[in-house]
C-alpha atoms as a PDB file:
ATOM      1  CA  MET A   1    -113.864  96.131-116.893  1.00  0.00           C
ATOM      2  CA  VAL A   2    -115.816  99.489-117.352  1.00  0.00           C
ATOM      3  CA  PHE A   3    -119.443  99.632-119.439  1.00  0.00           C
ATOM      4  CA  ARG A   4    -120.730 102.813-120.164  1.00  0.00           C
ATOM      5  CA  HIS A   5    -123.188 101.961-122.727  1.00  0.00           C
ATOM      6  CA  THR A   6    -126.144 103.904-123.300  1.00  0.00           C
ATOM      7  CA  PRO A   7    -128.814 101.638-124.608  1.00  0.00           C
ATOM      8  CA  VAL A   8    -130.164 102.944-128.317  1.00  0.00           C
ATOM      9  CA  MET A   9    -134.164 104.017-128.307  1.00  0.00           C
ATOM     10  CA  VAL A  10    -134.828 102.090-125.145  1.00  0.00           C
ATOM     11  CA  ASN A  11    -138.426 103.434-124.724  1.00  0.00           C
ATOM     12  CA  GLU A  12    -138.975 102.766-128.568  1.00  0.00           C
ATOM     13  CA  VAL A  13    -138.077  99.022-128.157  1.00  0.00           C
ATOM     14  CA  LEU A  14    -140.060  98.765-124.605  1.00  0.00           C
ATOM     15  CA  SER A  15    -142.799  99.964-126.451  1.00  0.00           C
ATOM     16  CA  HIS A  16    -142.696  97.481-129.651  1.00  0.00           C
ATOM     17  CA  LEU A  17    -141.797  94.541-127.266  1.00  0.00           C
ATOM     18  CA  ASN A  18    -145.079  95.627-125.195  1.00  0.00           C
ATOM     19  CA  CYS A  19    -143.430  93.926-122.042  1.00  0.00           C
ATOM     20  CA  LYS A  20    -145.697  93.357-119.548  1.00  0.00           C
ATOM     21  CA  PRO A  21    -145.050  91.742-115.984  1.00  0.00           C
ATOM     22  CA  GLY A  22    -145.058  87.983-116.452  1.00  0.00           C
ATOM     23  CA  ASP A  23    -143.521  87.946-120.038  1.00  0.00           C
ATOM     24  CA  GLN A  24    -140.612  85.950-121.021  1.00  0.00           C
ATOM     25  CA  VAL A  25    -138.022  88.045-123.032  1.00  0.00           C
ATOM     26  CA  ALA A  26    -134.990  87.249-124.603  1.00  0.00           C
ATOM     27  CA  ASP A  27    -132.199  89.791-125.256  1.00  0.00           C
ATOM     28  CA  CYS A  28    -130.153  88.265-127.216  1.00  0.00           C
ATOM     29  CA  THR A  29    -127.370  91.002-127.869  1.00  0.00           C
ATOM     30  CA  LEU A  30    -126.950  92.344-123.803  1.00  0.00           C
ATOM     31  CA  GLY A  31    -123.758  94.371-124.467  1.00  0.00           C
ATOM     32  CA  GLY A  32    -124.056  97.316-121.934  1.00  0.00           C
ATOM     33  CA  ALA A  33    -127.310  94.937-119.911  1.00  0.00           C
ATOM     34  CA  GLY A  34    -129.365  98.906-120.605  1.00  0.00           C
ATOM     35  CA  HIS A  35    -131.660  97.308-122.583  1.00  0.00           C
ATOM     36  CA  ALA A  36    -131.980  94.233-120.539  1.00  0.00           C
ATOM     37  CA  ARG A  37    -131.928  95.964-117.167  1.00  0.00           C
ATOM     38  CA  ALA A  38    -135.212  97.935-118.793  1.00  0.00           C
ATOM     39  CA  ILE A  39    -136.591  94.992-119.481  1.00  0.00           C
ATOM     40  CA  LEU A  40    -136.490  93.195-116.673  1.00  0.00           C
ATOM     41  CA  LYS A  41    -138.172  95.786-114.686  1.00  0.00           C
ATOM     42  CA  ARG A  42    -140.941  95.830-117.325  1.00  0.00           C
ATOM     43  CA  ILE A  43    -141.843  92.178-116.900  1.00  0.00           C
ATOM     44  CA  GLN A  44    -141.658  92.239-112.846  1.00  0.00           C
ATOM     45  CA  PRO A  45    -142.964  90.167-111.109  1.00  0.00           C
ATOM     46  CA  GLY A  46    -143.244  86.783-112.665  1.00  0.00           C
ATOM     47  CA  GLY A  47    -141.295  87.854-115.840  1.00  0.00           C
ATOM     48  CA  VAL A  48    -138.287  86.085-116.969  1.00  0.00           C
ATOM     49  CA  LEU A  49    -135.325  87.418-118.798  1.00  0.00           C
ATOM     50  CA  VAL A  50    -132.937  85.392-121.009  1.00  0.00           C
ATOM     51  CA  GLY A  51    -129.777  87.133-121.914  1.00  0.00           C
ATOM     52  CA  ILE A  52    -127.273  86.186-124.635  1.00  0.00           C
ATOM     53  CA  ASP A  53    -124.170  87.479-125.525  1.00  0.00           C
ATOM     54  CA  GLN A  54    -120.909  86.067-127.144  1.00  0.00           C
ATOM     55  CA  ASP A  55    -118.597  88.631-125.206  1.00  0.00           C
ATOM     56  CA  SER A  56    -117.785  87.292-122.086  1.00  0.00           C
ATOM     57  CA  ASP A  57    -116.866  90.297-120.615  1.00  0.00           C
ATOM     58  CA  ALA A  58    -120.626  91.523-121.460  1.00  0.00           C
ATOM     59  CA  ILE A  59    -122.097  88.249-119.522  1.00  0.00           C
ATOM     60  CA  ARG A  60    -120.129  89.038-116.525  1.00  0.00           C
ATOM     61  CA  HIS A  61    -121.048  92.686-116.722  1.00  0.00           C
ATOM     62  CA  ALA A  62    -124.879  91.827-117.353  1.00  0.00           C
ATOM     63  CA  SER A  63    -124.725  89.366-114.338  1.00  0.00           C
ATOM     64  CA  ALA A  64    -123.878  92.224-111.704  1.00  0.00           C
ATOM     65  CA  VAL A  65    -126.082  94.919-113.092  1.00  0.00           C
ATOM     66  CA  LEU A  66    -129.369  92.779-113.557  1.00  0.00           C
ATOM     67  CA  ALA A  67    -128.782  90.955-109.916  1.00  0.00           C
ATOM     68  CA  MET A  68    -128.445  94.540-108.750  1.00  0.00           C
ATOM     69  CA  GLU A  69    -131.586  95.332-110.422  1.00  0.00           C
ATOM     70  CA  MET A  70    -133.254  92.380-108.828  1.00  0.00           C
ATOM     71  CA  GLU A  71    -132.833  93.298-105.546  1.00  0.00           C
ATOM     72  CA  THR A  72    -135.052  96.000-105.077  1.00  0.00           C
ATOM     73  CA  ALA A  73    -137.498  93.877-106.465  1.00  0.00           C
ATOM     74  CA  PRO A  74    -140.644  93.125-103.824  1.00  0.00           C
ATOM     75  CA  GLY A  75    -142.086  90.112-102.839  1.00  0.00           C
ATOM     76  CA  MET A  76    -139.569  87.440-103.874  1.00  0.00           C
ATOM     77  CA  ASP A  77    -136.662  85.471-102.277  1.00  0.00           C
ATOM     78  CA  MET A  78    -133.085  85.238-103.139  1.00  0.00           C
ATOM     79  CA  ALA A  79    -133.606  81.812-105.501  1.00  0.00           C
ATOM     80  CA  THR A  80    -136.495  83.258-107.189  1.00  0.00           C
ATOM     81  CA  LYS A  81    -134.846  86.585-107.994  1.00  0.00           C
ATOM     82  CA  GLN A  82    -131.991  84.677-109.513  1.00  0.00           C
ATOM     83  CA  SER A  83    -134.353  82.351-111.177  1.00  0.00           C
ATOM     84  CA  ARG A  84    -135.772  85.493-113.015  1.00  0.00           C
ATOM     85  CA  ILE A  85    -132.549  85.973-115.126  1.00  0.00           C
ATOM     86  CA  ARG A  86    -131.033  83.405-117.128  1.00  0.00           C
ATOM     87  CA  LEU A  87    -127.537  84.583-118.917  1.00  0.00           C
ATOM     88  CA  PHE A  88    -125.430  82.512-121.786  1.00  0.00           C
ATOM     89  CA  HIS A  89    -122.274  83.116-123.697  1.00  0.00           C
ATOM     90  CA  ASP A  90    -123.015  81.878-127.000  1.00  0.00           C
ATOM     91  CA  ASN A  91    -124.142  83.563-130.156  1.00  0.00           C
ATOM     92  CA  PHE A  92    -127.818  84.424-130.728  1.00  0.00           C
ATOM     93  CA  GLN A  93    -128.108  81.901-133.528  1.00  0.00           C
ATOM     94  CA  ASN A  94    -128.175  79.235-130.508  1.00  0.00           C
ATOM     95  CA  LEU A  95    -131.255  81.058-129.589  1.00  0.00           C
ATOM     96  CA  PRO A  96    -134.006  77.430-130.009  1.00  0.00           C
ATOM     97  CA  HIS A  97    -131.204  75.333-128.471  1.00  0.00           C
ATOM     98  CA  ILE A  98    -130.602  77.738-125.215  1.00  0.00           C
ATOM     99  CA  LEU A  99    -134.467  77.690-124.928  1.00  0.00           C
ATOM    100  CA  SER A 100    -134.764  74.006-124.894  1.00  0.00           C
ATOM    101  CA  GLN A 101    -132.110  73.602-122.391  1.00  0.00           C
ATOM    102  CA  ILE A 102    -133.782  75.788-119.957  1.00  0.00           C
ATOM    103  CA  GLY A 103    -137.372  74.637-120.549  1.00  0.00           C
ATOM    104  CA  ILE A 104    -138.990  77.582-122.114  1.00  0.00           C
ATOM    105  CA  ALA A 105    -141.645  76.722-124.960  1.00  0.00           C
ATOM    106  CA  SER A 106    -141.654  79.798-126.415  1.00  0.00           C
ATOM    107  CA  LEU A 107    -141.282  83.370-125.561  1.00  0.00           C
ATOM    108  CA  ASP A 108    -143.418  86.469-125.423  1.00  0.00           C
ATOM    109  CA  GLY A 109    -140.522  89.105-126.926  1.00  0.00           C
ATOM    110  CA  VAL A 110    -137.163  88.578-128.521  1.00  0.00           C
ATOM    111  CA  LEU A 111    -134.608  91.708-128.749  1.00  0.00           C
ATOM    112  CA  ALA A 112    -131.441  91.904-130.691  1.00  0.00           C
ATOM    113  CA  ASP A 113    -129.517  95.387-130.906  1.00  0.00           C
ATOM    114  CA  LEU A 114    -126.607  94.573-133.516  1.00  0.00           C
ATOM    115  CA  GLY A 115    -124.422  97.516-132.756  1.00  0.00           C
ATOM    116  CA  LEU A 116    -121.249  97.596-130.835  1.00  0.00           C
ATOM    117  CA  SER A 117    -120.953  98.215-127.092  1.00  0.00           C
ATOM    118  CA  GLN A 118    -118.888 101.714-126.137  1.00  0.00           C
ATOM    119  CA  TYR A 119    -116.908  99.232-124.000  1.00  0.00           C
ATOM    120  CA  GLN A 120    -116.138  97.017-126.858  1.00  0.00           C
ATOM    121  CA  ILE A 121    -114.770 100.210-129.078  1.00  0.00           C
ATOM    122  CA  GLU A 122    -113.293 101.866-125.898  1.00  0.00           C
ATOM    123  CA  ALA A 123    -111.794  99.318-123.640  1.00  0.00           C
ATOM    124  CA  SER A 124    -112.049  95.556-124.812  1.00  0.00           C
ATOM    125  CA  GLY A 125    -108.715  96.052-126.603  1.00  0.00           C
ATOM    126  CA  ARG A 126    -109.542  93.928-129.288  1.00  0.00           C
ATOM    127  CA  GLY A 127    -108.930  96.824-131.768  1.00  0.00           C
ATOM    128  CA  PHE A 128    -112.460  97.349-132.905  1.00  0.00           C
ATOM    129  CA  SER A 129    -111.578 101.093-133.225  1.00  0.00           C
ATOM    130  CA  PHE A 130    -109.137 102.498-135.734  1.00  0.00           C
ATOM    131  CA  ARG A 131    -108.177 104.992-133.462  1.00  0.00           C
ATOM    132  CA  GLN A 132    -106.270 102.564-130.713  1.00  0.00           C
ATOM    133  CA  ASN A 133    -102.945 101.139-130.831  1.00  0.00           C
ATOM    134  CA  GLU A 134    -104.558  97.645-130.434  1.00  0.00           C
ATOM    135  CA  PRO A 135    -104.257  94.120-131.646  1.00  0.00           C
ATOM    136  CA  LEU A 136    -105.613  93.836-135.068  1.00  0.00           C
ATOM    137  CA  ASP A 137    -108.918  91.427-133.553  1.00  0.00           C
ATOM    138  CA  MET A 138    -112.080  92.324-133.601  1.00  0.00           C
ATOM    139  CA  ARG A 139    -113.661  89.064-132.437  1.00  0.00           C
ATOM    140  CA  MET A 140    -116.896  89.762-130.204  1.00  0.00           C
ATOM    141  CA  ASN A 141    -116.067  85.721-128.811  1.00  0.00           C
ATOM    142  CA  ALA A 142    -112.490  86.065-127.815  1.00  0.00           C
ATOM    143  CA  ASP A 143    -112.875  82.430-128.254  1.00  0.00           C
ATOM    144  CA  ALA A 144    -113.187  81.942-132.187  1.00  0.00           C
ATOM    145  CA  GLU A 145    -110.272  81.281-133.798  1.00  0.00           C
ATOM    146  CA  THR A 146    -110.170  83.679-136.984  1.00  0.00           C
ATOM    147  CA  THR A 147    -108.866  86.989-136.055  1.00  0.00           C
ATOM    148  CA  ALA A 148    -109.040  90.566-138.060  1.00  0.00           C
ATOM    149  CA  GLY A 149    -105.348  90.316-138.452  1.00  0.00           C
ATOM    150  CA  ASP A 150    -105.671  86.786-139.661  1.00  0.00           C
ATOM    151  CA  ILE A 151    -108.106  88.188-142.788  1.00  0.00           C
ATOM    152  CA  VAL A 152    -105.932  91.224-143.482  1.00  0.00           C
ATOM    153  CA  ASN A 153    -102.617  89.137-143.255  1.00  0.00           C
ATOM    154  CA  ALA A 154    -103.652  86.176-145.277  1.00  0.00           C
ATOM    155  CA  SER A 155    -106.495  87.329-147.261  1.00  0.00           C
ATOM    156  CA  PRO A 156    -105.758  87.496-151.087  1.00  0.00           C
ATOM    157  CA  GLU A 157    -106.539  90.874-152.474  1.00  0.00           C
ATOM    158  CA  LYS A 158    -109.476  89.971-154.086  1.00  0.00           C
ATOM    159  CA  ARG A 159    -110.869  88.658-151.533  1.00  0.00           C
ATOM    160  CA  LEU A 160    -109.818  91.828-149.025  1.00  0.00           C
ATOM    161  CA  ALA A 161    -111.438  94.019-151.826  1.00  0.00           C
ATOM    162  CA  TRP A 162    -114.627  91.830-151.645  1.00  0.00           C
ATOM    163  CA  ILE A 163    -115.075  92.186-148.168  1.00  0.00           C
ATOM    164  CA  PHE A 164    -114.390  95.948-148.236  1.00  0.00           C
ATOM    165  CA  LYS A 165    -116.888  96.494-150.973  1.00  0.00           C
ATOM    166  CA  GLU A 166    -119.738  93.917-150.027  1.00  0.00           C
ATOM    167  CA  TYR A 167    -119.552  94.522-146.477  1.00  0.00           C
ATOM    168  CA  GLY A 168    -118.661  98.573-146.031  1.00  0.00           C
ATOM    169  CA  GLU A 169    -119.751  99.686-149.491  1.00  0.00           C
ATOM    170  CA  GLU A 170    -116.302 101.232-149.890  1.00  0.00           C
ATOM    171  CA  ARG A 171    -115.967 102.993-152.365  1.00  0.00           C
ATOM    172  CA  TRP A 172    -111.895 102.440-152.959  1.00  0.00           C
ATOM    173  CA  ALA A 173    -112.407  98.843-151.668  1.00  0.00           C
ATOM    174  CA  GLY A 174    -110.196  97.766-154.453  1.00  0.00           C
ATOM    175  CA  ARG A 175    -106.886 100.443-153.701  1.00  0.00           C
ATOM    176  CA  ILE A 176    -106.993  99.858-149.978  1.00  0.00           C
ATOM    177  CA  ALA A 177    -106.874  95.915-150.586  1.00  0.00           C
ATOM    178  CA  ALA A 178    -104.014  96.954-152.949  1.00  0.00           C
ATOM    179  CA  ARG A 179    -102.287  98.908-150.189  1.00  0.00           C
ATOM    180  CA  ILE A 180    -102.580  96.342-147.822  1.00  0.00           C
ATOM    181  CA  VAL A 181    -101.504  93.491-150.005  1.00  0.00           C
ATOM    182  CA  ALA A 182     -97.909  95.689-150.782  1.00  0.00           C
ATOM    183  CA  ALA A 183     -97.860  96.956-146.537  1.00  0.00           C
ATOM    184  CA  ARG A 184     -98.000  93.462-145.542  1.00  0.00           C
ATOM    185  CA  ALA A 185     -94.980  92.118-147.992  1.00  0.00           C
ATOM    186  CA  ASP A 186     -92.425  94.073-145.839  1.00  0.00           C
ATOM    187  CA  LYS A 187     -94.411  93.410-142.604  1.00  0.00           C
ATOM    188  CA  SER A 188     -97.292  91.640-140.952  1.00  0.00           C
ATOM    189  CA  ILE A 189    -100.191  94.307-140.269  1.00  0.00           C
ATOM    190  CA  ARG A 190    -100.820  93.804-136.299  1.00  0.00           C
ATOM    191  CA  THR A 191    -102.327  96.584-134.903  1.00  0.00           C
ATOM    192  CA  ALA A 192    -105.441  98.444-135.572  1.00  0.00           C
ATOM    193  CA  LYS A 193    -103.534 101.892-135.843  1.00  0.00           C
ATOM    194  CA  GLU A 194    -101.310 100.454-138.495  1.00  0.00           C
ATOM    195  CA  LEU A 195    -104.244  99.278-140.768  1.00  0.00           C
ATOM    196  CA  ALA A 196    -105.944 102.869-140.206  1.00  0.00           C
ATOM    197  CA  ASP A 197    -103.290 104.929-141.093  1.00  0.00           C
ATOM    198  CA  ILE A 198    -102.947 102.189-144.366  1.00  0.00           C
ATOM    199  CA  VAL A 199    -106.280 103.119-145.130  1.00  0.00           C
ATOM    200  CA  GLU A 200    -105.884 106.952-144.871  1.00  0.00           C
ATOM    201  CA  ALA A 201    -103.261 106.972-146.727  1.00  0.00           C
ATOM    202  CA  ALA A 202    -105.254 104.914-149.808  1.00  0.00           C
ATOM    203  CA  VAL A 203    -108.294 107.051-149.777  1.00  0.00           C
ATOM    204  CA  PRO A 204    -107.871 109.961-152.210  1.00  0.00           C
ATOM    205  CA  ARG A 205    -107.654 113.207-149.607  1.00  0.00           C
ATOM    206  CA  ARG A 206    -110.317 114.714-151.879  1.00  0.00           C
ATOM    207  CA  ASP A 207    -112.769 111.818-151.210  1.00  0.00           C
ATOM    208  CA  ALA A 208    -111.338 111.464-147.689  1.00  0.00           C
ATOM    209  CA  ALA A 209    -112.448 115.402-147.045  1.00  0.00           C
ATOM    210  CA  LYS A 210    -115.988 114.932-148.321  1.00  0.00           C
ATOM    211  CA  ARG A 211    -116.678 111.883-145.587  1.00  0.00           C
ATOM    212  CA  LYS A 212    -118.490 112.657-141.701  1.00  0.00           C
ATOM    213  CA  ILE A 213    -116.532 109.754-141.179  1.00  0.00           C
ATOM    214  CA  HIS A 214    -113.108 108.852-140.970  1.00  0.00           C
ATOM    215  CA  PRO A 215    -111.745 107.205-143.459  1.00  0.00           C
ATOM    216  CA  ALA A 216    -111.286 103.902-142.024  1.00  0.00           C
ATOM    217  CA  THR A 217    -114.709 103.374-140.484  1.00  0.00           C
ATOM    218  CA  LYS A 218    -115.970 101.671-143.169  1.00  0.00           C
ATOM    219  CA  VAL A 219    -113.309  99.179-143.798  1.00  0.00           C
ATOM    220  CA  PHE A 220    -113.035  98.481-140.119  1.00  0.00           C
ATOM    221  CA  MET A 221    -117.164  97.628-139.959  1.00  0.00           C
ATOM    222  CA  ALA A 222    -116.732  95.523-142.872  1.00  0.00           C
ATOM    223  CA  LEU A 223    -113.806  93.563-141.360  1.00  0.00           C
ATOM    224  CA  ARG A 224    -115.807  93.141-137.738  1.00  0.00           C
ATOM    225  CA  ILE A 225    -118.853  91.498-139.820  1.00  0.00           C
ATOM    226  CA  ALA A 226    -116.330  89.212-141.554  1.00  0.00           C
ATOM    227  CA  VAL A 227    -114.768  87.945-138.231  1.00  0.00           C
ATOM    228  CA  ASN A 228    -117.925  87.454-136.732  1.00  0.00           C
ATOM    229  CA  ARG A 229    -119.517  86.402-139.741  1.00  0.00           C
ATOM    230  CA  GLU A 230    -122.551  88.849-138.638  1.00  0.00           C
ATOM    231  CA  LEU A 231    -124.928  89.046-142.173  1.00  0.00           C
ATOM    232  CA  GLU A 232    -124.570  85.178-142.647  1.00  0.00           C
ATOM    233  CA  ILE A 233    -125.963  84.591-139.357  1.00  0.00           C
ATOM    234  CA  LEU A 234    -128.555  87.348-139.093  1.00  0.00           C
ATOM    235  CA  ASP A 235    -131.071  85.943-141.712  1.00  0.00           C
ATOM    236  CA  ASP A 236    -131.098  82.401-139.997  1.00  0.00           C
ATOM    237  CA  PHE A 237    -131.500  83.952-136.672  1.00  0.00           C
ATOM    238  CA  ILE A 238    -134.880  85.924-137.714  1.00  0.00           C
ATOM    239  CA  ILE A 239    -136.878  83.086-138.701  1.00  0.00           C
ATOM    240  CA  ASP A 240    -135.620  80.994-135.987  1.00  0.00           C
ATOM    241  CA  ALA A 241    -136.360  83.790-133.146  1.00  0.00           C
ATOM    242  CA  VAL A 242    -140.038  83.935-134.899  1.00  0.00           C
ATOM    243  CA  ASN A 243    -140.379  80.593-134.121  1.00  0.00           C
ATOM    244  CA  CYS A 244    -139.740  80.879-130.742  1.00  0.00           C
ATOM    245  CA  LEU A 245    -142.125  83.348-130.363  1.00  0.00           C
ATOM    246  CA  LYS A 246    -145.549  82.649-128.846  1.00  0.00           C
ATOM    247  CA  PRO A 247    -148.947  83.969-131.135  1.00  0.00           C
ATOM    248  CA  GLY A 248    -148.939  87.578-130.344  1.00  0.00           C
ATOM    249  CA  GLY A 249    -144.791  87.871-129.155  1.00  0.00           C
ATOM    250  CA  ARG A 250    -142.668  90.385-130.824  1.00  0.00           C
ATOM    251  CA  ILE A 251    -139.272  90.493-132.246  1.00  0.00           C
ATOM    252  CA  CYS A 252    -137.245  94.058-132.190  1.00  0.00           C
ATOM    253  CA  ILE A 253    -134.323  94.886-134.458  1.00  0.00           C
ATOM    254  CA  VAL A 254    -132.043  97.467-133.929  1.00  0.00           C
ATOM    255  CA  SER A 255    -129.462  97.831-136.796  1.00  0.00           C
ATOM    256  CA  PHE A 256    -126.735 100.027-137.417  1.00  0.00           C
ATOM    257  CA  HIS A 257    -125.679  99.438-141.389  1.00  0.00           C
ATOM    258  CA  SER A 258    -127.872  99.418-144.454  1.00  0.00           C
ATOM    259  CA  LEU A 259    -126.935  95.844-145.231  1.00  0.00           C
ATOM    260  CA  GLU A 260    -128.246  94.458-141.815  1.00  0.00           C
ATOM    261  CA  ASP A 261    -131.261  96.498-142.017  1.00  0.00           C
ATOM    262  CA  ARG A 262    -131.705  95.276-145.480  1.00  0.00           C
ATOM    263  CA  ILE A 263    -131.784  91.766-144.405  1.00  0.00           C
ATOM    264  CA  VAL A 264    -134.389  92.679-141.786  1.00  0.00           C
ATOM    265  CA  LYS A 265    -136.649  94.397-144.049  1.00  0.00           C
ATOM    266  CA  THR A 266    -136.494  91.596-146.798  1.00  0.00           C
ATOM    267  CA  ARG A 267    -137.061  88.923-144.299  1.00  0.00           C
ATOM    268  CA  PHE A 268    -139.831  90.292-142.256  1.00  0.00           C
ATOM    269  CA  ARG A 269    -141.633  91.287-145.422  1.00  0.00           C
ATOM    270  CA  GLU A 270    -141.017  87.621-146.806  1.00  0.00           C
ATOM    271  CA  MET A 271    -142.762  86.129-143.685  1.00  0.00           C
ATOM    272  CA  GLU A 272    -145.821  88.758-143.622  1.00  0.00           C
ATOM    273  CA  LYS A 273    -146.487  87.518-147.338  1.00  0.00           C
ATOM    274  CA  ALA A 274    -149.238  84.941-147.697  1.00  0.00           C
ATOM    275  CA  CYS A 275    -150.061  83.775-151.265  1.00  0.00           C
ATOM    276  CA  VAL A 276    -146.604  83.091-153.547  1.00  0.00           C
ATOM    277  CA  CYS A 277    -148.260  81.554-156.357  1.00  0.00           C
ATOM    278  CA  PRO A 278    -147.521  82.680-159.532  1.00  0.00           C
ATOM    279  CA  PRO A 279    -150.052  85.611-160.469  1.00  0.00           C
ATOM    280  CA  ASP A 280    -151.520  83.827-163.510  1.00  0.00           C
ATOM    281  CA  PHE A 281    -152.718  80.541-161.421  1.00  0.00           C
ATOM    282  CA  PRO A 282    -156.508  81.018-161.129  1.00  0.00           C
ATOM    283  CA  VAL A 283    -156.237  79.776-157.643  1.00  0.00           C
ATOM    284  CA  CYS A 284    -154.345  79.503-154.692  1.00  0.00           C
ATOM    285  CA  VAL A 285    -152.259  76.284-154.097  1.00  0.00           C
ATOM    286  CA  CYS A 286    -149.261  77.350-151.725  1.00  0.00           C
ATOM    287  CA  ARG A 287    -151.671  77.418-149.020  1.00  0.00           C
ATOM    288  CA  ARG A 288    -149.236  79.962-147.467  1.00  0.00           C
ATOM    289  CA  GLN A 289    -150.372  81.963-144.282  1.00  0.00           C
ATOM    290  CA  PRO A 290    -148.600  84.999-143.249  1.00  0.00           C
ATOM    291  CA  GLU A 291    -146.591  84.644-140.204  1.00  0.00           C
ATOM    292  CA  ILE A 292    -145.821  88.128-138.815  1.00  0.00           C
ATOM    293  CA  ARG A 293    -147.636  91.513-139.097  1.00  0.00           C
ATOM    294  CA  ILE A 294    -144.763  94.109-139.619  1.00  0.00           C
ATOM    295  CA  LEU A 295    -145.205  96.891-136.860  1.00  0.00           C
ATOM    296  CA  THR A 296    -142.598  99.538-138.258  1.00  0.00           C
ATOM    297  CA  ARG A 297    -144.138 100.121-141.740  1.00  0.00           C
ATOM    298  CA  LYS A 298    -141.335 102.919-141.954  1.00  0.00           C
ATOM    299  CA  VAL A 299    -137.812 102.558-139.991  1.00  0.00           C
ATOM    300  CA  VAL A 300    -137.853 103.808-136.679  1.00  0.00           C
ATOM    301  CA  ARG A 301    -134.962 106.239-136.364  1.00  0.00           C
ATOM    302  CA  PRO A 302    -133.852 107.826-132.669  1.00  0.00           C
ATOM    303  CA  ALA A 303    -135.152 111.474-132.042  1.00  0.00           C
ATOM    304  CA  GLU A 304    -132.894 114.390-132.456  1.00  0.00           C
ATOM    305  CA  ASP A 305    -132.212 114.866-128.552  1.00  0.00           C
ATOM    306  CA  GLU A 306    -131.378 111.573-128.143  1.00  0.00           C
ATOM    307  CA  ILE A 307    -128.461 111.569-130.718  1.00  0.00           C
ATOM    308  CA  HIS A 308    -127.085 114.939-129.216  1.00  0.00           C
ATOM    309  CA  VAL A 309    -126.695 113.226-126.034  1.00  0.00           C
ATOM    310  CA  ASN A 310    -125.536 109.494-127.508  1.00  0.00           C
ATOM    311  CA  PRO A 311    -123.844 110.670-130.922  1.00  0.00           C
ATOM    312  CA  MET A 312    -123.740 106.416-131.250  1.00  0.00           C
ATOM    313  CA  ALA A 313    -127.447 106.259-132.065  1.00  0.00           C
ATOM    314  CA  ARG A 314    -126.582 108.240-134.943  1.00  0.00           C
ATOM    315  CA  SER A 315    -126.986 105.330-137.172  1.00  0.00           C
ATOM    316  CA  ALA A 316    -129.252 103.252-135.709  1.00  0.00           C
ATOM    317  CA  ARG A 317    -132.736 101.692-137.174  1.00  0.00           C
ATOM    318  CA  LEU A 318    -135.579 100.026-135.518  1.00  0.00           C
ATOM    319  CA  ARG A 319    -137.884  97.583-137.147  1.00  0.00           C
ATOM    320  CA  ALA A 320    -140.478  95.147-135.191  1.00  0.00           C
ATOM    321  CA  ALA A 321    -143.043  92.576-135.988  1.00  0.00           C
ATOM    322  CA  GLU A 322    -145.801  90.808-134.373  1.00  0.00           C
ATOM    323  CA  LYS A 323    -146.459  86.569-134.696  1.00  0.00           C
ATOM    324  CA  LEU A 324    -149.584  85.887-136.044  1.00  0.00           C
ATOM    325  CA  LEU A 325    -152.305  83.861-133.914  1.00  0.00           C
ATOM    326  CA  THR A 326    -152.269  81.226-136.873  1.00  0.00           C
ATOM    327  CA  VAL A 327    -149.184  80.642-139.186  1.00  0.00           C
ATOM    328  CA  SER A 328    -148.865  77.852-141.754  1.00  0.00           C
ATOM    329  CA  THR A 329    -147.222  74.444-140.641  1.00  0.00           C
END
């Protein structure tokens, strides 16, 4: 198990979270633990890091990396150091329950980096990459029931086309779905490489030549989103995460897909609104108050030098908000 994940926009994340010694911060997508390690440094002494990931490999890796980081922390015995790091193999949709379990009433910061780790792409063996001849799995949580292979081999053609179009914004969704159904009639599609070859053959060469990405990229992304129910969970997570913040606490979300970013942008704007009464009402009767203040009026993107060093950062988009002191009840 080798993680070589470089955290995306780590300085921007730390700045928008405004991490300080003594803070209690949740990194809800540990991945390679790069962000978590940087946060842990900033919140000591006295801070607590709550780390969550649905990939058990990520939890094992983060446990080792963060324990090593705390070894150098001065003025604390081993038991105290261990109490500063609380890791959970779980989905971030369960953040409120996790905090209740460990007796944390509210947080100073919440981070969610929605991208795949380099380990998941290159070494997890779960078929996240169309370049690998691996089982067509794509589960972030290996204990989950449905795999990408289940969806590819059992879903009706219309359902496949909908997934590729809705989640991957794939222009040739219908054509690709038809080719998949035809191919699986002969034998099940078992590996990522098999699926990638089918998709590549389905996309017209003229269109494929114009793309800056492999023809299978959008289909693989769409399947990953479908397998892990990523978009279904994200909107509810944002609401719960803000509710878990202290007044003045901050939430920071890094997305890598236009649909994810749209959900974050829309939800932040709705939570920042005050009155939602119809325009023709003479006075406000809803008494709604804004819950957050958006900190990123324009989406924050990585600098060119970071993209040069870490090409995985290319499509990253960061949005952040601060919980207001007074919110509606």
